[in-house]
Amino acid sequence: MVVALTALAVVIGYTDRVNMSVAAVAMKTRLGWSQTEKGLILSAFFVGYILFMFISGALATRYGGKRVLGLAVLAWSLLTLATPFAAALSVPVLIAARIAMGLSEAAMFPCSYELFGRWVPAAERGRSVARLLTGVPLGTLLGLLATGWIVARLGWQMAFYVFGIVGLGWVFVWFSTVHNDPATDRRLSDAERALLPRQAPAAQASIPWRRLLLRRPVCGIATAHFATTWSLYVLLSWLPSYFSEVQGLSIANAGAFSAAPWLAMIVVTNLSGVACDRMIRRGVSVTAARKLMQCGGLIISAACLLAMRGLHSAGIAETLLCGATGALGMCWCGCTPAMIDVAPRHAALVGAFSNTIATIPGIVGVAVVGWLIDVTGTYSAAFVLTALVSGIGALVFGLLFDARPLVD
């Protein structure tokens, strides 16, 4: 139940992110935004996201993932409902609302890692992380398809109202059904409870900051995570605009075409999770398995994006973007479970640290792409830059990562 509802929170979080990417196509025309203004609005979310990421990890460690995650979803759902009102006032007000929404969503992954550390047996951790991160492409897919349909038929404002209400429904179910600790959940059998990790909460012990964060493996994780989210956030924010402006598709069709790459990611993420666990069971080291997934995913994604330059066929572009985005699903079986590998008791803090670094592309990458499009008039430079970042990320992770735990 905890894994399923936490994954559903990720789905809701990403539908609430991506609906702005699709709705912004109509909002730009209706409200008279430039490409640069649209880029700033899309990137504003990540300003709040990065500012509160590490704090949310500390809060989850101290107060438990259940409370912090539930309050976070409540906050971002209310802000989603308020987005049309903010947009009607001015661009600065909308930017402020998006920053506040980023502050709320910052708790999503650190809380998830904290919950998994207490609720998920070690033997099931890989599959659970894969299910959690399936929420990223699934939420994106649902957001793209639903937002395109809603905007075309009911107007861009309604997209925010619908998704905001869904989030409020999740909050009710979450607080009604999820316990704060496995020991208090009577639905678990004694056999199931015996499989869960037996460890004191990290908040009760001093945290070895230097031995935990300032180490080569964590630097490798953060760099690879940065490269992965650079591609993720650029594609998440600009695919609808690319299909609309370069391939000449309608808003509804642009949303549909933008959805297919995220379906590819759903499939690849789950297949990669199974393959990675199977390799480890057959004797491949955890370090080697994580490197194969992370480095292979980044290199394949980079190659597909380089082939995108100058394309004028929507079908070929769709195929390559499915390859580029799907390959990122391999990365979710690399750097993400690696955070738990190197620090099982402090996964929320390692995850918050890595996510903080990995949020920089949401601010810089998304805004830089808007600037590059304005300056060059094409998306080619953006694809080349994203491929270069992926190559560097693969190299650094391959050189620095080691899965051995850093602290007891």
Protein backbone atom coordinates (compact mmCIF):
# COMPACT_ATOMS: atom_id res chain seq x y z
CA MET A 1 0.00 0.00 0.00
CA VAL A 2 2.78 2.45 0.93
CA VAL A 3 4.73 1.80 -2.27
CA ALA A 4 1.61 2.04 -4.44
CA LEU A 5 0.36 5.28 -2.90
CA THR A 6 3.82 6.84 -2.90
CA ALA A 7 4.19 6.01 -6.59
CA LEU A 8 0.74 7.52 -7.17
CA ALA A 9 1.93 10.72 -5.48
CA VAL A 10 4.77 10.86 -8.02
CA VAL A 11 2.25 10.39 -10.83
CA ILE A 12 0.17 13.28 -9.50
CA GLY A 13 3.24 15.44 -8.99
CA TYR A 14 4.36 15.01 -12.58
CA THR A 15 0.92 15.58 -14.05
CA ASP A 16 0.91 18.85 -12.13
CA ARG A 17 4.31 19.73 -13.58
CA VAL A 18 3.68 18.81 -17.19
CA ASN A 19 0.24 20.38 -17.51
CA MET A 20 1.96 23.78 -17.53
CA SER A 21 4.21 22.65 -20.40
CA VAL A 22 1.18 21.84 -22.57
CA ALA A 23 -1.08 24.65 -21.36
CA ALA A 24 1.77 27.16 -21.87
CA VAL A 25 1.44 26.70 -25.63
CA ALA A 26 -2.08 28.17 -25.47
CA MET A 27 -1.24 30.56 -22.63
CA LYS A 28 1.68 32.05 -24.59
CA THR A 29 -0.66 33.04 -27.43
CA ARG A 30 -3.50 34.18 -25.19
CA LEU A 31 -1.35 36.13 -22.73
CA GLY A 32 1.32 37.39 -25.17
CA TRP A 33 4.40 35.73 -23.71
CA SER A 34 7.74 35.61 -25.53
CA GLN A 35 9.72 32.36 -25.69
CA THR A 36 12.04 33.77 -23.02
CA GLU A 37 9.12 34.59 -20.72
CA LYS A 38 7.69 31.13 -21.25
CA GLY A 39 11.08 29.62 -20.41
CA LEU A 40 11.28 31.65 -17.20
CA ILE A 41 7.78 30.54 -16.18
CA LEU A 42 8.56 26.91 -16.89
CA SER A 43 11.86 27.09 -15.00
CA ALA A 44 10.43 28.99 -11.99
CA PHE A 45 9.10 25.74 -10.54
CA PHE A 46 12.64 24.45 -10.13
CA VAL A 47 13.79 27.50 -8.18
CA GLY A 48 11.47 26.54 -5.32
CA TYR A 49 12.24 22.86 -5.88
CA ILE A 50 15.97 23.31 -5.36
CA LEU A 51 15.64 25.74 -2.43
CA PHE A 52 13.60 23.35 -0.29
CA MET A 53 15.01 19.98 -1.40
CA PHE A 54 17.60 19.45 1.30
CA ILE A 55 15.33 20.91 3.99
CA SER A 56 12.61 18.47 3.00
CA GLY A 57 15.05 15.58 3.38
CA ALA A 58 15.89 16.70 6.89
CA LEU A 59 12.19 17.11 7.74
CA ALA A 60 11.39 13.64 6.41
CA THR A 61 14.21 12.17 8.48
CA ARG A 62 13.00 13.87 11.65
CA TYR A 63 9.19 13.74 11.34
CA GLY A 64 8.66 10.79 9.01
CA GLY A 65 7.82 10.62 5.34
CA LYS A 66 4.09 10.10 5.87
CA ARG A 67 3.40 13.48 7.48
CA VAL A 68 5.73 15.54 5.30
CA LEU A 69 4.63 13.95 2.03
CA GLY A 70 0.93 14.29 2.85
CA LEU A 71 1.26 17.98 3.66
CA ALA A 72 3.39 18.54 0.57
CA VAL A 73 0.79 17.04 -1.79
CA LEU A 74 -1.90 19.11 -0.09
CA ALA A 75 0.10 22.31 -0.68
CA TRP A 76 0.98 21.68 -4.33
CA SER A 77 -2.57 20.63 -5.17
CA LEU A 78 -3.94 23.89 -3.77
CA LEU A 79 -1.33 25.82 -5.76
CA THR A 80 -2.31 23.95 -8.93
CA LEU A 81 -5.89 25.04 -8.40
CA ALA A 82 -4.69 28.65 -7.94
CA THR A 83 -2.54 28.75 -11.10
CA PRO A 84 -5.20 30.24 -13.45
CA PHE A 85 -5.82 33.07 -11.00
CA ALA A 86 -2.09 33.79 -10.74
CA ALA A 87 -1.70 33.78 -14.53
CA ALA A 88 -4.57 36.24 -14.90
CA LEU A 89 -2.82 38.73 -12.61
CA SER A 90 0.67 38.95 -14.15
CA VAL A 91 3.76 37.01 -15.18
CA PRO A 92 5.60 37.81 -11.89
CA VAL A 93 2.67 36.51 -9.83
CA LEU A 94 2.57 33.32 -11.90
CA ILE A 95 6.32 32.89 -11.46
CA ALA A 96 5.89 33.28 -7.69
CA ALA A 97 3.12 30.64 -7.69
CA ARG A 98 5.32 28.23 -9.65
CA ILE A 99 8.20 28.78 -7.21
CA ALA A 100 5.85 27.98 -4.30
CA MET A 101 4.69 24.85 -6.09
CA GLY A 102 8.32 23.78 -6.49
CA LEU A 103 8.84 24.25 -2.75
CA SER A 104 5.96 21.84 -2.11
CA GLU A 105 7.03 19.16 -4.59
CA ALA A 106 10.60 19.18 -3.25
CA ALA A 107 9.50 16.78 -0.50
CA MET A 108 8.27 14.11 -2.90
CA PHE A 109 11.40 12.00 -3.44
CA PRO A 110 13.20 12.49 -0.08
CA CYS A 111 10.00 11.41 1.69
CA SER A 112 9.71 8.40 -0.61
CA TYR A 113 13.26 7.27 0.14
CA GLU A 114 12.66 7.70 3.88
CA LEU A 115 9.51 5.59 3.68
CA PHE A 116 11.18 2.91 1.59
CA GLY A 117 14.01 2.66 4.11
CA ARG A 118 11.49 1.58 6.77
CA TRP A 119 8.74 -0.12 4.77
CA VAL A 120 10.55 -2.00 1.99
CA PRO A 121 12.65 -5.16 2.57
CA ALA A 122 16.14 -4.96 1.09
CA ALA A 123 15.38 -7.80 -1.34
CA GLU A 124 12.50 -5.81 -2.85
CA ARG A 125 14.17 -2.40 -2.97
CA GLY A 126 15.08 -2.47 -6.66
CA ARG A 127 11.59 -3.29 -7.82
CA SER A 128 10.06 -0.77 -5.43
CA VAL A 129 12.30 2.03 -6.69
CA ALA A 130 11.42 1.08 -10.27
CA ARG A 131 7.71 1.28 -9.46
CA LEU A 132 8.20 4.62 -7.73
CA LEU A 133 10.07 6.12 -10.66
CA THR A 134 7.59 4.72 -13.16
CA GLY A 135 5.43 7.50 -11.76
CA VAL A 136 7.67 10.03 -13.53
CA PRO A 137 6.91 8.95 -17.13
CA LEU A 138 3.41 7.73 -16.25
CA GLY A 139 2.49 11.07 -14.71
CA THR A 140 4.07 12.85 -17.64
CA LEU A 141 2.20 10.65 -20.11
CA LEU A 142 -1.15 11.16 -18.41
CA GLY A 143 -0.50 14.87 -18.04
CA LEU A 144 0.39 15.34 -21.68
CA LEU A 145 -2.57 13.35 -23.00
CA ALA A 146 -5.15 14.74 -20.59
CA THR A 147 -3.93 18.34 -20.70
CA GLY A 148 -3.90 18.42 -24.49
CA TRP A 149 -7.46 17.08 -24.58
CA ILE A 150 -8.70 19.41 -21.82
CA VAL A 151 -7.07 22.52 -23.29
CA ALA A 152 -8.47 21.83 -26.76
CA ARG A 153 -12.03 21.28 -25.52
CA LEU A 154 -12.46 23.05 -22.19
CA GLY A 155 -9.77 25.73 -22.10
CA TRP A 156 -6.35 25.86 -20.45
CA GLN A 157 -7.71 26.91 -17.03
CA MET A 158 -9.66 23.68 -16.58
CA ALA A 159 -6.51 21.56 -16.79
CA PHE A 160 -5.26 23.06 -13.53
CA TYR A 161 -8.62 22.68 -11.79
CA VAL A 162 -8.93 18.99 -12.69
CA PHE A 163 -5.43 17.99 -11.58
CA GLY A 164 -5.66 20.03 -8.39
CA ILE A 165 -8.82 18.21 -7.33
CA VAL A 166 -7.22 14.82 -8.02
CA GLY A 167 -4.35 15.75 -5.70
CA LEU A 168 -6.73 16.67 -2.89
CA GLY A 169 -8.41 13.27 -3.25
CA TRP A 170 -5.02 11.55 -2.85
CA VAL A 171 -4.36 13.48 0.37
CA PHE A 172 -7.59 12.17 1.91
CA VAL A 173 -6.76 8.55 1.02
CA TRP A 174 -3.15 8.91 2.23
CA PHE A 175 -3.94 10.14 5.72
CA SER A 176 -6.84 7.69 6.02
CA THR A 177 -4.93 4.51 5.18
CA VAL A 178 -1.17 4.86 5.70
CA HIS A 179 0.45 4.34 9.11
CA ASN A 180 3.52 6.28 10.18
CA ASP A 181 5.42 3.15 11.18
CA PRO A 182 5.23 -0.50 10.05
CA ALA A 183 4.94 -1.64 13.67
CA THR A 184 1.53 0.05 13.96
CA ASP A 185 0.07 -1.40 10.77
CA ARG A 186 -2.09 -4.39 11.73
CA ARG A 187 -2.46 -5.39 8.08
CA LEU A 188 1.13 -6.68 8.10
CA SER A 189 1.71 -10.24 9.21
CA ASP A 190 4.52 -11.15 11.61
CA ALA A 191 6.37 -12.76 8.71
CA GLU A 192 6.08 -9.61 6.63
CA ARG A 193 7.15 -7.40 9.51
CA ALA A 194 10.19 -9.60 10.12
CA LEU A 195 11.46 -8.86 6.61
CA LEU A 196 11.50 -5.10 7.16
CA PRO A 197 14.75 -3.30 8.03
CA ARG A 198 15.54 -3.24 11.74
CA GLN A 199 17.43 -0.05 12.42
CA ALA A 200 17.18 3.00 14.62
CA PRO A 201 15.86 6.13 12.94
CA ALA A 202 18.68 8.25 11.55
CA ALA A 203 17.37 11.25 13.47
CA GLN A 204 18.40 9.63 16.75
CA ALA A 205 22.08 9.47 15.80
CA SER A 206 24.59 12.04 14.68
CA ILE A 207 24.87 12.31 10.92
CA PRO A 208 28.39 11.85 9.50
CA TRP A 209 28.05 14.62 6.93
CA ARG A 210 31.56 14.49 5.50
CA ARG A 211 31.75 10.71 5.35
CA LEU A 212 28.30 10.69 3.77
CA LEU A 213 28.16 13.50 1.21
CA LEU A 214 31.72 14.60 0.38
CA ARG A 215 32.76 11.28 -1.13
CA ARG A 216 33.58 10.15 -4.65
CA PRO A 217 30.60 7.77 -5.06
CA VAL A 218 28.11 10.44 -3.98
CA CYS A 219 29.74 12.96 -6.34
CA GLY A 220 29.38 10.40 -9.12
CA ILE A 221 25.71 9.85 -8.23
CA ALA A 222 24.97 13.58 -8.14
CA THR A 223 26.72 14.21 -11.48
CA ALA A 224 24.89 11.37 -13.22
CA HIS A 225 21.62 12.51 -11.66
CA PHE A 226 22.31 16.04 -12.95
CA ALA A 227 22.88 14.75 -16.49
CA THR A 228 19.77 12.56 -16.36
CA THR A 229 17.49 15.34 -15.18
CA TRP A 230 18.98 17.80 -17.67
CA SER A 231 17.60 15.60 -20.45
CA LEU A 232 14.44 14.84 -18.48
CA TYR A 233 13.50 18.44 -17.70
CA VAL A 234 14.37 19.80 -21.14
CA LEU A 235 12.26 17.14 -22.82
CA LEU A 236 9.51 17.45 -20.22
CA SER A 237 9.23 21.20 -20.70
CA TRP A 238 9.84 21.63 -24.42
CA LEU A 239 8.51 18.55 -26.26
CA PRO A 240 4.99 19.98 -26.74
CA SER A 241 6.45 23.23 -28.07
CA TYR A 242 8.84 21.32 -30.34
CA PHE A 243 6.08 19.31 -31.98
CA SER A 244 3.86 22.37 -32.28
CA GLU A 245 6.44 24.85 -33.59
CA VAL A 246 8.85 22.64 -35.57
CA GLN A 247 6.62 19.83 -36.75
CA GLY A 248 3.53 22.03 -37.16
CA LEU A 249 1.13 19.91 -35.07
CA SER A 250 -1.98 21.22 -33.32
CA ILE A 251 -1.91 21.63 -29.54
CA ALA A 252 -3.89 18.40 -29.03
CA ASN A 253 -1.69 16.45 -31.47
CA ALA A 254 1.48 17.97 -30.00
CA GLY A 255 0.40 16.67 -26.58
CA ALA A 256 -0.29 13.22 -28.03
CA PHE A 257 3.06 13.05 -29.87
CA SER A 258 4.84 14.27 -26.75
CA ALA A 259 3.25 11.48 -24.72
CA ALA A 260 4.73 8.54 -26.65
CA PRO A 261 8.33 9.03 -25.43
CA TRP A 262 7.14 8.82 -21.83
CA LEU A 263 5.31 5.58 -22.58
CA ALA A 264 8.64 4.26 -23.83
CA MET A 265 10.22 5.31 -20.54
CA ILE A 266 7.58 3.40 -18.55
CA VAL A 267 8.39 0.21 -20.43
CA VAL A 268 12.17 0.62 -20.30
CA THR A 269 12.22 1.56 -16.60
CA ASN A 270 10.44 -1.61 -15.53
CA LEU A 271 12.36 -3.88 -17.90
CA SER A 272 15.63 -2.35 -16.71
CA GLY A 273 14.67 -2.88 -13.07
CA VAL A 274 14.06 -6.58 -13.70
CA ALA A 275 17.24 -6.92 -15.77
CA CYS A 276 19.39 -5.12 -13.19
CA ASP A 277 18.12 -7.26 -10.30
CA ARG A 278 18.62 -10.39 -12.37
CA MET A 279 22.23 -9.46 -13.18
CA ILE A 280 22.98 -8.94 -9.50
CA ARG A 281 21.39 -12.29 -8.57
CA ARG A 282 23.58 -13.98 -11.19
CA GLY A 283 26.77 -12.63 -9.67
CA VAL A 284 27.33 -9.29 -11.37
CA SER A 285 28.49 -6.76 -8.80
CA VAL A 286 26.06 -4.05 -7.72
CA THR A 287 28.58 -1.44 -8.84
CA ALA A 288 28.87 -2.90 -12.34
CA ALA A 289 25.11 -3.30 -12.72
CA ARG A 290 24.44 0.32 -11.70
CA LYS A 291 27.15 1.61 -14.05
CA LEU A 292 25.81 -0.39 -16.99
CA MET A 293 22.32 1.01 -16.52
CA GLN A 294 23.34 4.61 -15.85
CA CYS A 295 26.11 5.01 -18.42
CA GLY A 296 24.31 2.98 -21.08
CA GLY A 297 21.13 5.00 -20.69
CA LEU A 298 22.90 8.37 -20.95
CA ILE A 299 24.94 7.35 -24.01
CA ILE A 300 21.93 5.96 -25.90
CA SER A 301 19.88 9.06 -25.08
CA ALA A 302 22.67 11.36 -26.26
CA ALA A 303 23.02 9.50 -29.56
CA CYS A 304 19.29 9.80 -30.28
CA LEU A 305 19.27 13.54 -29.52
CA LEU A 306 22.25 14.18 -31.80
CA ALA A 307 20.33 12.50 -34.62
CA MET A 308 17.44 14.97 -34.07
CA ARG A 309 19.22 17.94 -35.60
CA GLY A 310 17.43 19.44 -38.59
CA LEU A 311 14.67 16.83 -38.76
CA HIS A 312 11.43 17.78 -40.51
CA SER A 313 9.60 14.46 -40.19
CA ALA A 314 7.30 14.13 -37.20
CA GLY A 315 7.41 10.34 -37.44
CA ILE A 316 11.21 10.07 -37.39
CA ALA A 317 11.42 12.69 -34.65
CA GLU A 318 8.92 10.71 -32.60
CA THR A 319 10.98 7.53 -32.97
CA LEU A 320 14.22 9.18 -31.93
CA LEU A 321 12.62 10.97 -29.01
CA CYS A 322 11.13 7.67 -27.83
CA GLY A 323 14.67 6.27 -27.89
CA ALA A 324 16.15 9.28 -26.08
CA THR A 325 13.49 9.40 -23.40
CA GLY A 326 13.13 5.65 -23.04
CA ALA A 327 16.87 5.31 -22.46
CA LEU A 328 16.54 7.59 -19.44
CA GLY A 329 14.48 4.77 -17.90
CA MET A 330 17.71 2.77 -17.69
CA CYS A 331 19.23 5.59 -15.65
CA TRP A 332 16.51 5.25 -12.99
CA CYS A 333 18.02 1.82 -12.25
CA GLY A 334 21.47 3.39 -11.95
CA CYS A 335 21.87 6.53 -9.88
CA THR A 336 18.59 6.28 -7.96
CA PRO A 337 18.96 2.90 -6.17
CA ALA A 338 22.63 3.83 -5.84
CA MET A 339 21.57 6.43 -3.27
CA ILE A 340 20.24 3.64 -1.05
CA ASP A 341 23.24 1.38 -1.83
CA VAL A 342 25.80 3.82 -0.44
CA ALA A 343 23.77 4.97 2.60
CA PRO A 344 20.79 2.77 3.54
CA ARG A 345 20.08 4.62 6.82
CA HIS A 346 20.51 8.09 5.34
CA ALA A 347 18.90 7.62 1.94
CA ALA A 348 16.57 10.60 2.42
CA LEU A 349 19.52 12.93 2.96
CA VAL A 350 21.63 11.50 0.12
CA GLY A 351 18.57 11.66 -2.11
CA ALA A 352 17.88 15.25 -1.08
CA PHE A 353 21.50 16.23 -1.73
CA SER A 354 21.57 14.56 -5.15
CA ASN A 355 18.14 15.91 -6.06
CA THR A 356 19.28 19.42 -5.14
CA ILE A 357 22.14 19.16 -7.64
CA ALA A 358 19.85 17.47 -10.15
CA THR A 359 17.32 20.29 -9.96
CA ILE A 360 19.78 22.83 -11.39
CA PRO A 361 18.94 21.69 -14.96
CA GLY A 362 15.31 22.53 -14.29
CA ILE A 363 16.33 26.13 -13.71
CA VAL A 364 19.30 26.51 -16.03
CA GLY A 365 18.57 23.91 -18.72
CA VAL A 366 14.93 24.81 -19.32
CA ALA A 367 15.67 28.56 -19.42
CA VAL A 368 18.78 28.12 -21.60
CA VAL A 369 16.76 26.14 -24.13
CA GLY A 370 14.25 28.99 -24.38
CA TRP A 371 17.13 31.43 -24.93
CA LEU A 372 18.80 29.16 -27.53
CA ILE A 373 15.53 28.86 -29.46
CA ASP A 374 15.10 32.64 -29.50
CA VAL A 375 18.72 33.19 -30.62
CA THR A 376 19.10 30.39 -33.19
CA GLY A 377 15.50 29.92 -34.31
CA THR A 378 15.88 26.11 -34.07
CA TYR A 379 16.04 23.34 -31.48
CA SER A 380 19.27 21.83 -32.84
CA ALA A 381 21.63 23.64 -30.46
CA ALA A 382 19.51 22.51 -27.51
CA PHE A 383 19.74 18.87 -28.59
CA VAL A 384 23.53 19.08 -29.01
CA LEU A 385 24.01 20.70 -25.60
CA THR A 386 21.81 18.09 -23.91
CA ALA A 387 23.76 15.25 -25.56
CA LEU A 388 27.05 16.77 -24.37
CA VAL A 389 25.80 16.96 -20.77
CA SER A 390 24.73 13.29 -20.99
CA GLY A 391 28.16 12.22 -22.21
CA ILE A 392 29.92 14.00 -19.36
CA GLY A 393 27.52 12.49 -16.82
CA ALA A 394 28.18 8.96 -18.08
CA LEU A 395 31.94 9.47 -17.91
CA VAL A 396 31.95 10.83 -14.35
CA PHE A 397 29.61 8.15 -12.99
CA GLY A 398 31.67 5.43 -14.63
CA LEU A 399 34.85 6.73 -13.01
CA LEU A 400 33.62 7.61 -9.51
CA PHE A 401 30.76 5.34 -8.46
CA ASP A 402 31.21 2.45 -6.03
CA ALA A 403 28.17 0.77 -4.42
CA ARG A 404 29.82 -0.12 -1.09
CA PRO A 405 28.12 1.61 1.90
CA LEU A 406 29.94 4.72 3.04
CA VAL A 407 28.72 4.64 6.65
CA ASP A 408 27.41 1.97 9.03
